[in-house]
């Protein structure tokens, strides 16, 4: 197989919540990432006058999902479950980038996710072609990339 040199488009992706498509489609996903904190340390007996960088704890960024409002109640049901069940409501969320033939290219797997923020649409009577959008921000405990 020839190596691809053209980057993939960012518009072709699917989102799964614990393997389920019951949440509808999303138009935007942003904020996928992880960060490792670094502690600086210098031993008094070091011959060179510099600090050492020691890897510390890591954390996963909060991820924002946006979509046009559709007739799916499962998203709100998950928010309600998180309010009442706490950690028992955690889910695994997979965001998979697809190529032009809709084959999976890369998957970002977010583990231990709970909804931490919901924002409803901005409604205005100006009568345009705007879509009523909603946004949910997920907090995740774990993160991995699968090729």
N, C-alpha and C. Protein backbone atom coordinates (compact mmCIF):
# COMPACT_ATOMS: atom_id res chain seq x y z
N UNK A 1 0.84 -1.17 0.00
CA UNK A 1 0.00 0.00 0.00
C UNK A 1 0.89 1.24 0.00
N UNK A 2 0.57 2.18 -0.87
CA UNK A 2 1.34 3.42 -0.95
C UNK A 2 1.04 4.30 0.25
N UNK A 3 2.06 5.01 0.70
CA UNK A 3 1.88 5.90 1.83
C UNK A 3 1.15 7.16 1.38
N UNK A 4 0.20 7.60 2.17
CA UNK A 4 -0.60 8.78 1.83
C UNK A 4 0.16 10.05 2.23
N UNK A 5 0.20 11.03 1.34
CA UNK A 5 0.86 12.30 1.65
C UNK A 5 -0.14 13.45 1.76
N UNK A 6 -1.37 13.23 1.33
CA UNK A 6 -2.41 14.26 1.42
C UNK A 6 -3.12 14.13 2.76
N UNK A 7 -3.21 15.20 3.53
CA UNK A 7 -3.91 15.12 4.82
C UNK A 7 -5.40 14.81 4.64
N UNK A 8 -5.97 14.18 5.63
CA UNK A 8 -7.39 13.85 5.62
C UNK A 8 -8.22 15.09 5.93
N UNK A 9 -9.41 15.15 5.36
CA UNK A 9 -10.34 16.23 5.67
C UNK A 9 -10.89 16.07 7.08
N UNK A 10 -11.20 17.18 7.72
CA UNK A 10 -11.68 17.15 9.10
C UNK A 10 -13.20 17.03 9.19
N UNK A 11 -13.87 16.86 8.05
CA UNK A 11 -15.33 16.88 8.03
C UNK A 11 -15.98 15.51 8.03
N UNK A 12 -15.20 14.46 7.97
CA UNK A 12 -15.75 13.12 7.82
C UNK A 12 -15.42 12.30 9.07
N UNK A 13 -16.35 12.24 10.02
CA UNK A 13 -16.09 11.55 11.29
C UNK A 13 -17.39 11.03 11.89
N UNK A 14 -17.24 10.09 12.80
CA UNK A 14 -18.39 9.56 13.54
C UNK A 14 -18.05 9.58 15.03
N UNK A 15 -19.10 9.69 15.85
CA UNK A 15 -18.96 9.70 17.30
C UNK A 15 -19.81 8.58 17.86
N UNK A 16 -19.21 7.76 18.72
CA UNK A 16 -19.93 6.67 19.39
C UNK A 16 -19.82 6.81 20.89
N UNK A 17 -20.92 6.63 21.59
CA UNK A 17 -20.96 6.65 23.05
C UNK A 17 -21.19 5.22 23.51
N UNK A 18 -20.17 4.60 24.09
CA UNK A 18 -20.22 3.20 24.50
C UNK A 18 -20.72 2.30 23.36
N UNK A 19 -20.26 2.58 22.15
CA UNK A 19 -20.62 1.77 20.99
C UNK A 19 -22.00 2.05 20.43
N UNK A 20 -22.69 3.06 20.94
CA UNK A 20 -24.05 3.36 20.52
C UNK A 20 -24.10 4.61 19.66
N UNK A 21 -24.96 4.59 18.65
CA UNK A 21 -25.21 5.76 17.81
C UNK A 21 -26.48 6.48 18.23
N UNK A 22 -26.98 6.20 19.43
CA UNK A 22 -28.26 6.74 19.89
C UNK A 22 -28.22 8.23 20.21
N UNK A 23 -27.10 8.88 20.02
CA UNK A 23 -26.99 10.29 20.38
C UNK A 23 -27.10 11.21 19.17
N UNK A 24 -27.30 10.66 17.99
CA UNK A 24 -27.39 11.47 16.79
C UNK A 24 -26.02 11.87 16.28
N UNK A 25 -26.00 12.62 15.20
CA UNK A 25 -24.73 13.04 14.60
C UNK A 25 -24.28 14.39 15.14
N UNK A 26 -22.98 14.61 15.12
CA UNK A 26 -22.40 15.86 15.59
C UNK A 26 -21.73 16.57 14.43
N UNK A 27 -21.82 17.89 14.43
CA UNK A 27 -21.20 18.68 13.36
C UNK A 27 -19.80 19.14 13.73
N UNK A 28 -19.51 19.22 15.02
CA UNK A 28 -18.21 19.70 15.48
C UNK A 28 -17.75 18.92 16.70
N UNK A 29 -16.48 18.61 16.74
CA UNK A 29 -15.83 18.06 17.92
C UNK A 29 -14.54 18.84 18.09
N UNK A 30 -14.32 19.41 19.28
CA UNK A 30 -13.10 20.19 19.48
C UNK A 30 -12.55 19.98 20.89
N UNK A 31 -11.25 20.18 21.02
CA UNK A 31 -10.60 20.11 22.32
C UNK A 31 -9.98 18.77 22.66
N UNK A 32 -9.95 17.84 21.72
CA UNK A 32 -9.35 16.53 22.01
C UNK A 32 -7.87 16.74 22.32
N UNK A 33 -7.42 16.28 23.47
CA UNK A 33 -6.01 16.44 23.80
C UNK A 33 -5.67 15.90 25.18
N UNK A 34 -4.40 15.84 25.44
CA UNK A 34 -3.91 15.42 26.74
C UNK A 34 -2.68 16.26 27.08
N UNK A 35 -2.40 16.37 28.35
CA UNK A 35 -1.29 17.20 28.80
C UNK A 35 -0.57 16.49 29.95
N UNK A 36 0.74 16.51 29.91
CA UNK A 36 1.55 15.95 30.98
C UNK A 36 2.17 17.11 31.74
N UNK A 37 1.94 17.15 33.04
CA UNK A 37 2.57 18.20 33.83
C UNK A 37 4.03 17.83 34.05
N UNK A 38 4.88 18.83 34.15
CA UNK A 38 6.31 18.61 34.31
C UNK A 38 6.77 19.31 35.58
N UNK A 39 7.47 18.55 36.41
CA UNK A 39 8.06 19.13 37.62
C UNK A 39 9.54 19.40 37.35
N UNK A 40 10.01 20.54 37.83
CA UNK A 40 11.42 20.86 37.68
C UNK A 40 12.14 20.49 38.96
N UNK A 41 13.30 19.84 38.78
CA UNK A 41 14.05 19.33 39.93
C UNK A 41 15.53 19.54 39.67
N UNK A 42 16.22 19.93 40.67
CA UNK A 42 17.68 20.03 40.57
C UNK A 42 18.30 19.51 41.85
N UNK A 43 19.17 18.53 41.68
CA UNK A 43 19.91 18.01 42.84
C UNK A 43 21.05 18.97 43.14
N UNK A 44 21.30 19.19 44.40
CA UNK A 44 22.37 20.11 44.80
C UNK A 44 23.74 19.66 44.35
N UNK A 45 23.89 18.37 44.07
CA UNK A 45 25.20 17.87 43.68
C UNK A 45 25.39 17.80 42.17
N UNK A 46 24.39 18.26 41.38
CA UNK A 46 24.54 18.25 39.92
C UNK A 46 25.72 19.14 39.51
N UNK A 47 26.55 18.61 38.60
CA UNK A 47 27.72 19.38 38.15
C UNK A 47 27.31 20.51 37.22
N UNK A 48 26.27 20.30 36.44
CA UNK A 48 25.80 21.33 35.52
C UNK A 48 24.68 22.10 36.19
N UNK A 49 24.68 23.40 36.01
CA UNK A 49 23.70 24.26 36.66
C UNK A 49 22.42 24.34 35.82
N UNK A 50 21.60 23.32 35.89
CA UNK A 50 20.32 23.30 35.16
C UNK A 50 19.33 22.44 35.94
N UNK A 51 18.07 22.56 35.57
CA UNK A 51 17.04 21.73 36.21
C UNK A 51 16.75 20.53 35.33
N UNK A 52 16.32 19.48 35.95
CA UNK A 52 15.85 18.30 35.22
C UNK A 52 14.34 18.42 35.11
N UNK A 53 13.80 17.94 34.01
CA UNK A 53 12.36 17.95 33.78
C UNK A 53 11.85 16.54 34.06
N UNK A 54 10.98 16.42 35.05
CA UNK A 54 10.45 15.12 35.46
C UNK A 54 8.97 15.07 35.13
N UNK A 55 8.58 14.05 34.36
CA UNK A 55 7.17 13.89 34.01
C UNK A 55 6.35 13.63 35.26
N UNK A 56 5.23 14.34 35.34
CA UNK A 56 4.33 14.18 36.48
C UNK A 56 3.02 13.55 36.04
N UNK A 57 1.94 14.00 36.64
CA UNK A 57 0.62 13.46 36.31
C UNK A 57 0.19 13.98 34.94
N UNK A 58 -0.73 13.26 34.33
CA UNK A 58 -1.28 13.72 33.06
C UNK A 58 -2.77 13.95 33.22
N UNK A 59 -3.30 14.79 32.36
CA UNK A 59 -4.74 15.03 32.38
C UNK A 59 -5.25 15.10 30.95
N UNK A 60 -6.54 14.86 30.82
CA UNK A 60 -7.19 14.87 29.52
C UNK A 60 -7.99 16.16 29.41
N UNK A 61 -7.92 16.79 28.25
CA UNK A 61 -8.65 18.03 28.02
C UNK A 61 -10.16 17.77 27.98
N UNK A 62 -10.92 18.79 28.32
CA UNK A 62 -12.37 18.72 28.15
C UNK A 62 -12.67 18.81 26.66
N UNK A 63 -13.62 18.01 26.19
CA UNK A 63 -13.93 17.93 24.77
C UNK A 63 -15.34 18.46 24.53
N UNK A 64 -15.48 19.32 23.52
CA UNK A 64 -16.76 19.94 23.21
C UNK A 64 -17.36 19.31 21.95
N UNK A 65 -18.63 18.95 22.04
CA UNK A 65 -19.37 18.37 20.92
C UNK A 65 -20.54 19.30 20.59
N UNK A 66 -20.72 19.60 19.30
CA UNK A 66 -21.83 20.45 18.87
C UNK A 66 -22.66 19.73 17.83
N UNK A 67 -23.96 20.00 17.87
CA UNK A 67 -24.85 19.41 16.88
C UNK A 67 -26.11 20.24 16.77
N UNK A 68 -26.78 20.07 15.63
CA UNK A 68 -28.10 20.65 15.48
C UNK A 68 -29.07 19.85 16.34
N UNK A 69 -30.03 20.54 16.92
CA UNK A 69 -30.98 19.84 17.80
C UNK A 69 -31.82 18.88 16.97
N UNK A 70 -31.84 17.64 17.44
CA UNK A 70 -32.61 16.57 16.79
C UNK A 70 -33.51 15.93 17.83
N UNK A 71 -34.33 15.02 17.40
CA UNK A 71 -35.32 14.42 18.28
C UNK A 71 -34.76 13.19 19.01
N UNK A 72 -33.61 13.36 19.67
CA UNK A 72 -33.01 12.30 20.47
C UNK A 72 -32.96 12.79 21.91
N UNK A 73 -33.52 12.02 22.83
CA UNK A 73 -33.51 12.40 24.24
C UNK A 73 -32.37 11.76 25.02
N UNK A 74 -31.58 10.91 24.37
CA UNK A 74 -30.55 10.15 25.08
C UNK A 74 -29.46 11.05 25.67
N UNK A 75 -29.16 12.16 25.04
CA UNK A 75 -28.15 13.08 25.57
C UNK A 75 -28.61 13.67 26.90
N UNK A 76 -29.84 14.15 26.93
CA UNK A 76 -30.37 14.71 28.17
C UNK A 76 -30.52 13.62 29.23
N UNK A 77 -30.88 12.41 28.84
CA UNK A 77 -30.99 11.30 29.80
C UNK A 77 -29.63 11.02 30.44
N UNK A 78 -28.55 11.13 29.67
CA UNK A 78 -27.21 10.92 30.22
C UNK A 78 -26.85 12.01 31.21
N UNK A 79 -27.22 13.26 30.91
CA UNK A 79 -26.98 14.36 31.84
C UNK A 79 -27.73 14.10 33.15
N UNK A 80 -28.97 13.69 33.05
CA UNK A 80 -29.76 13.38 34.25
C UNK A 80 -29.14 12.21 35.03
N UNK A 81 -28.67 11.19 34.31
CA UNK A 81 -28.02 10.05 34.95
C UNK A 81 -26.76 10.50 35.69
N UNK A 82 -26.00 11.40 35.09
CA UNK A 82 -24.79 11.92 35.73
C UNK A 82 -25.15 12.67 37.01
N UNK A 83 -26.24 13.42 36.99
CA UNK A 83 -26.68 14.17 38.17
C UNK A 83 -27.05 13.25 39.32
N UNK A 84 -27.62 12.11 39.00
CA UNK A 84 -28.12 11.23 40.07
C UNK A 84 -27.18 10.07 40.40
N UNK A 85 -26.48 9.53 39.40
CA UNK A 85 -25.65 8.35 39.63
C UNK A 85 -24.18 8.66 39.81
N UNK A 86 -23.76 9.87 39.49
CA UNK A 86 -22.35 10.23 39.66
C UNK A 86 -21.44 9.41 38.77
N UNK A 87 -20.37 8.85 39.35
CA UNK A 87 -19.37 8.11 38.56
C UNK A 87 -19.93 6.90 37.81
N UNK A 88 -21.05 6.37 38.25
CA UNK A 88 -21.65 5.22 37.57
C UNK A 88 -22.15 5.59 36.17
N UNK A 89 -22.26 6.88 35.88
CA UNK A 89 -22.75 7.32 34.58
C UNK A 89 -21.62 7.47 33.55
N UNK A 90 -20.39 7.16 33.93
CA UNK A 90 -19.26 7.31 33.01
C UNK A 90 -19.43 6.43 31.78
N UNK A 91 -18.99 6.97 30.64
CA UNK A 91 -19.05 6.24 29.37
C UNK A 91 -17.73 6.40 28.63
N UNK A 92 -17.55 5.52 27.67
CA UNK A 92 -16.41 5.63 26.75
C UNK A 92 -16.92 6.24 25.45
N UNK A 93 -16.24 7.28 24.99
CA UNK A 93 -16.64 7.97 23.77
C UNK A 93 -15.51 7.83 22.75
N UNK A 94 -15.88 7.39 21.55
CA UNK A 94 -14.91 7.23 20.47
C UNK A 94 -15.23 8.21 19.35
N UNK A 95 -14.23 8.97 18.94
CA UNK A 95 -14.35 9.86 17.79
C UNK A 95 -13.46 9.29 16.71
N UNK A 96 -14.05 8.89 15.59
CA UNK A 96 -13.30 8.22 14.53
C UNK A 96 -13.29 9.06 13.26
N UNK A 97 -12.09 9.39 12.79
CA UNK A 97 -11.91 10.09 11.53
C UNK A 97 -12.02 9.07 10.40
N UNK A 98 -12.73 9.43 9.33
CA UNK A 98 -12.91 8.53 8.19
C UNK A 98 -12.24 9.11 6.95
N UNK A 99 -11.82 8.22 6.05
CA UNK A 99 -11.27 8.69 4.78
C UNK A 99 -12.40 8.92 3.79
N UNK A 100 -12.06 9.22 2.54
CA UNK A 100 -13.06 9.53 1.52
C UNK A 100 -13.99 8.35 1.23
N UNK A 101 -13.52 7.13 1.45
CA UNK A 101 -14.35 5.93 1.23
C UNK A 101 -15.05 5.49 2.52
N UNK A 102 -15.03 6.34 3.54
CA UNK A 102 -15.66 6.09 4.85
C UNK A 102 -15.02 4.93 5.61
N UNK A 103 -13.73 4.70 5.38
CA UNK A 103 -12.97 3.73 6.16
C UNK A 103 -12.34 4.43 7.34
N UNK A 104 -12.30 3.78 8.52
CA UNK A 104 -11.67 4.41 9.69
C UNK A 104 -10.19 4.67 9.46
N UNK A 105 -9.74 5.85 9.86
CA UNK A 105 -8.34 6.24 9.73
C UNK A 105 -7.69 6.29 11.10
N UNK A 106 -8.34 6.97 12.03
CA UNK A 106 -7.81 7.12 13.39
C UNK A 106 -8.98 7.30 14.34
N UNK A 107 -8.82 6.74 15.55
CA UNK A 107 -9.86 6.87 16.57
C UNK A 107 -9.25 7.47 17.83
N UNK A 108 -9.91 8.49 18.36
CA UNK A 108 -9.55 9.07 19.65
C UNK A 108 -10.53 8.50 20.65
N UNK A 109 -10.03 7.74 21.62
CA UNK A 109 -10.86 7.06 22.60
C UNK A 109 -10.78 7.81 23.92
N UNK A 110 -11.92 8.29 24.38
CA UNK A 110 -12.02 9.02 25.64
C UNK A 110 -12.71 8.12 26.65
N UNK A 111 -12.02 7.81 27.73
CA UNK A 111 -12.55 6.88 28.74
C UNK A 111 -13.01 7.65 29.98
N UNK A 112 -14.01 7.09 30.64
CA UNK A 112 -14.51 7.68 31.88
C UNK A 112 -15.12 9.05 31.67
N UNK A 113 -15.89 9.21 30.62
CA UNK A 113 -16.49 10.52 30.29
C UNK A 113 -17.79 10.75 31.04
N UNK A 114 -17.97 11.99 31.46
CA UNK A 114 -19.25 12.46 31.99
C UNK A 114 -19.52 13.85 31.42
N UNK A 115 -20.79 14.16 31.20
CA UNK A 115 -21.10 15.52 30.73
C UNK A 115 -20.90 16.52 31.87
N UNK A 116 -20.17 17.59 31.58
CA UNK A 116 -19.94 18.59 32.62
C UNK A 116 -20.60 19.93 32.32
N UNK A 117 -21.02 20.10 31.05
CA UNK A 117 -21.67 21.36 30.70
C UNK A 117 -22.55 21.15 29.48
N UNK A 118 -23.74 21.72 29.53
CA UNK A 118 -24.65 21.71 28.39
C UNK A 118 -25.04 23.14 28.08
N UNK A 119 -25.01 23.50 26.79
CA UNK A 119 -25.46 24.82 26.36
C UNK A 119 -26.49 24.64 25.27
N UNK A 120 -27.66 25.21 25.49
CA UNK A 120 -28.74 25.13 24.51
C UNK A 120 -28.54 26.13 23.40
N UNK A 121 -29.46 26.15 22.45
CA UNK A 121 -29.32 27.01 21.28
C UNK A 121 -29.58 28.48 21.58
N UNK A 122 -29.06 29.32 20.71
CA UNK A 122 -29.44 30.73 20.70
C UNK A 122 -30.63 30.83 19.77
N UNK A 123 -31.74 31.28 20.29
CA UNK A 123 -32.96 31.37 19.50
C UNK A 123 -33.24 32.82 19.14
N UNK A 124 -33.54 33.07 17.89
CA UNK A 124 -33.82 34.43 17.44
C UNK A 124 -34.89 34.37 16.36
N UNK A 125 -35.81 35.29 16.41
CA UNK A 125 -36.92 35.32 15.46
C UNK A 125 -36.61 36.04 14.17
N UNK A 126 -35.37 36.10 13.77
CA UNK A 126 -35.03 36.84 12.56
C UNK A 126 -35.36 36.07 11.29
N UNK A 127 -35.77 34.81 11.43
CA UNK A 127 -36.27 34.04 10.30
C UNK A 127 -35.23 33.72 9.24
N UNK A 128 -34.12 33.22 9.64
CA UNK A 128 -33.08 32.86 8.67
C UNK A 128 -32.96 31.36 8.51
N UNK A 129 -31.89 30.97 7.95
CA UNK A 129 -31.62 29.55 7.74
C UNK A 129 -30.73 28.97 8.81
N UNK A 130 -30.60 29.66 9.96
CA UNK A 130 -29.74 29.16 11.03
C UNK A 130 -30.32 27.90 11.65
N UNK A 131 -29.47 26.99 12.00
CA UNK A 131 -29.86 25.75 12.66
C UNK A 131 -29.77 25.95 14.17
N UNK A 132 -30.75 25.44 14.91
CA UNK A 132 -30.71 25.48 16.38
C UNK A 132 -29.65 24.48 16.83
N UNK A 133 -28.57 24.99 17.44
CA UNK A 133 -27.44 24.16 17.84
C UNK A 133 -27.39 23.99 19.35
N UNK A 134 -26.96 22.81 19.78
CA UNK A 134 -26.70 22.57 21.19
C UNK A 134 -25.27 22.09 21.33
N UNK A 135 -24.73 22.27 22.53
CA UNK A 135 -23.33 21.96 22.79
C UNK A 135 -23.23 21.22 24.11
N UNK A 136 -22.40 20.20 24.13
CA UNK A 136 -22.12 19.49 25.37
C UNK A 136 -20.61 19.37 25.54
N UNK A 137 -20.15 19.62 26.75
CA UNK A 137 -18.73 19.50 27.06
C UNK A 137 -18.57 18.28 27.96
N UNK A 138 -17.65 17.40 27.59
CA UNK A 138 -17.40 16.18 28.35
C UNK A 138 -16.06 16.27 29.07
N UNK A 139 -16.05 15.82 30.31
CA UNK A 139 -14.81 15.64 31.06
C UNK A 139 -14.44 14.16 30.93
N UNK A 140 -13.18 13.89 30.62
CA UNK A 140 -12.71 12.51 30.45
C UNK A 140 -11.57 12.23 31.40
N UNK A 141 -11.48 10.99 31.87
CA UNK A 141 -10.39 10.59 32.76
C UNK A 141 -9.22 9.99 31.99
N UNK A 142 -9.50 9.35 30.85
CA UNK A 142 -8.44 8.68 30.10
C UNK A 142 -8.54 9.00 28.63
N UNK A 143 -7.42 8.81 27.92
CA UNK A 143 -7.33 9.17 26.51
C UNK A 143 -6.33 8.28 25.82
N UNK A 144 -6.70 7.80 24.63
CA UNK A 144 -5.73 7.07 23.81
C UNK A 144 -6.07 7.25 22.33
N UNK A 145 -5.07 7.08 21.50
CA UNK A 145 -5.26 7.17 20.06
C UNK A 145 -5.06 5.78 19.48
N UNK A 146 -6.01 5.38 18.66
CA UNK A 146 -5.93 4.08 17.98
C UNK A 146 -5.83 4.32 16.48
N UNK A 147 -4.81 3.75 15.87
CA UNK A 147 -4.64 3.93 14.41
C UNK A 147 -5.43 2.89 13.66
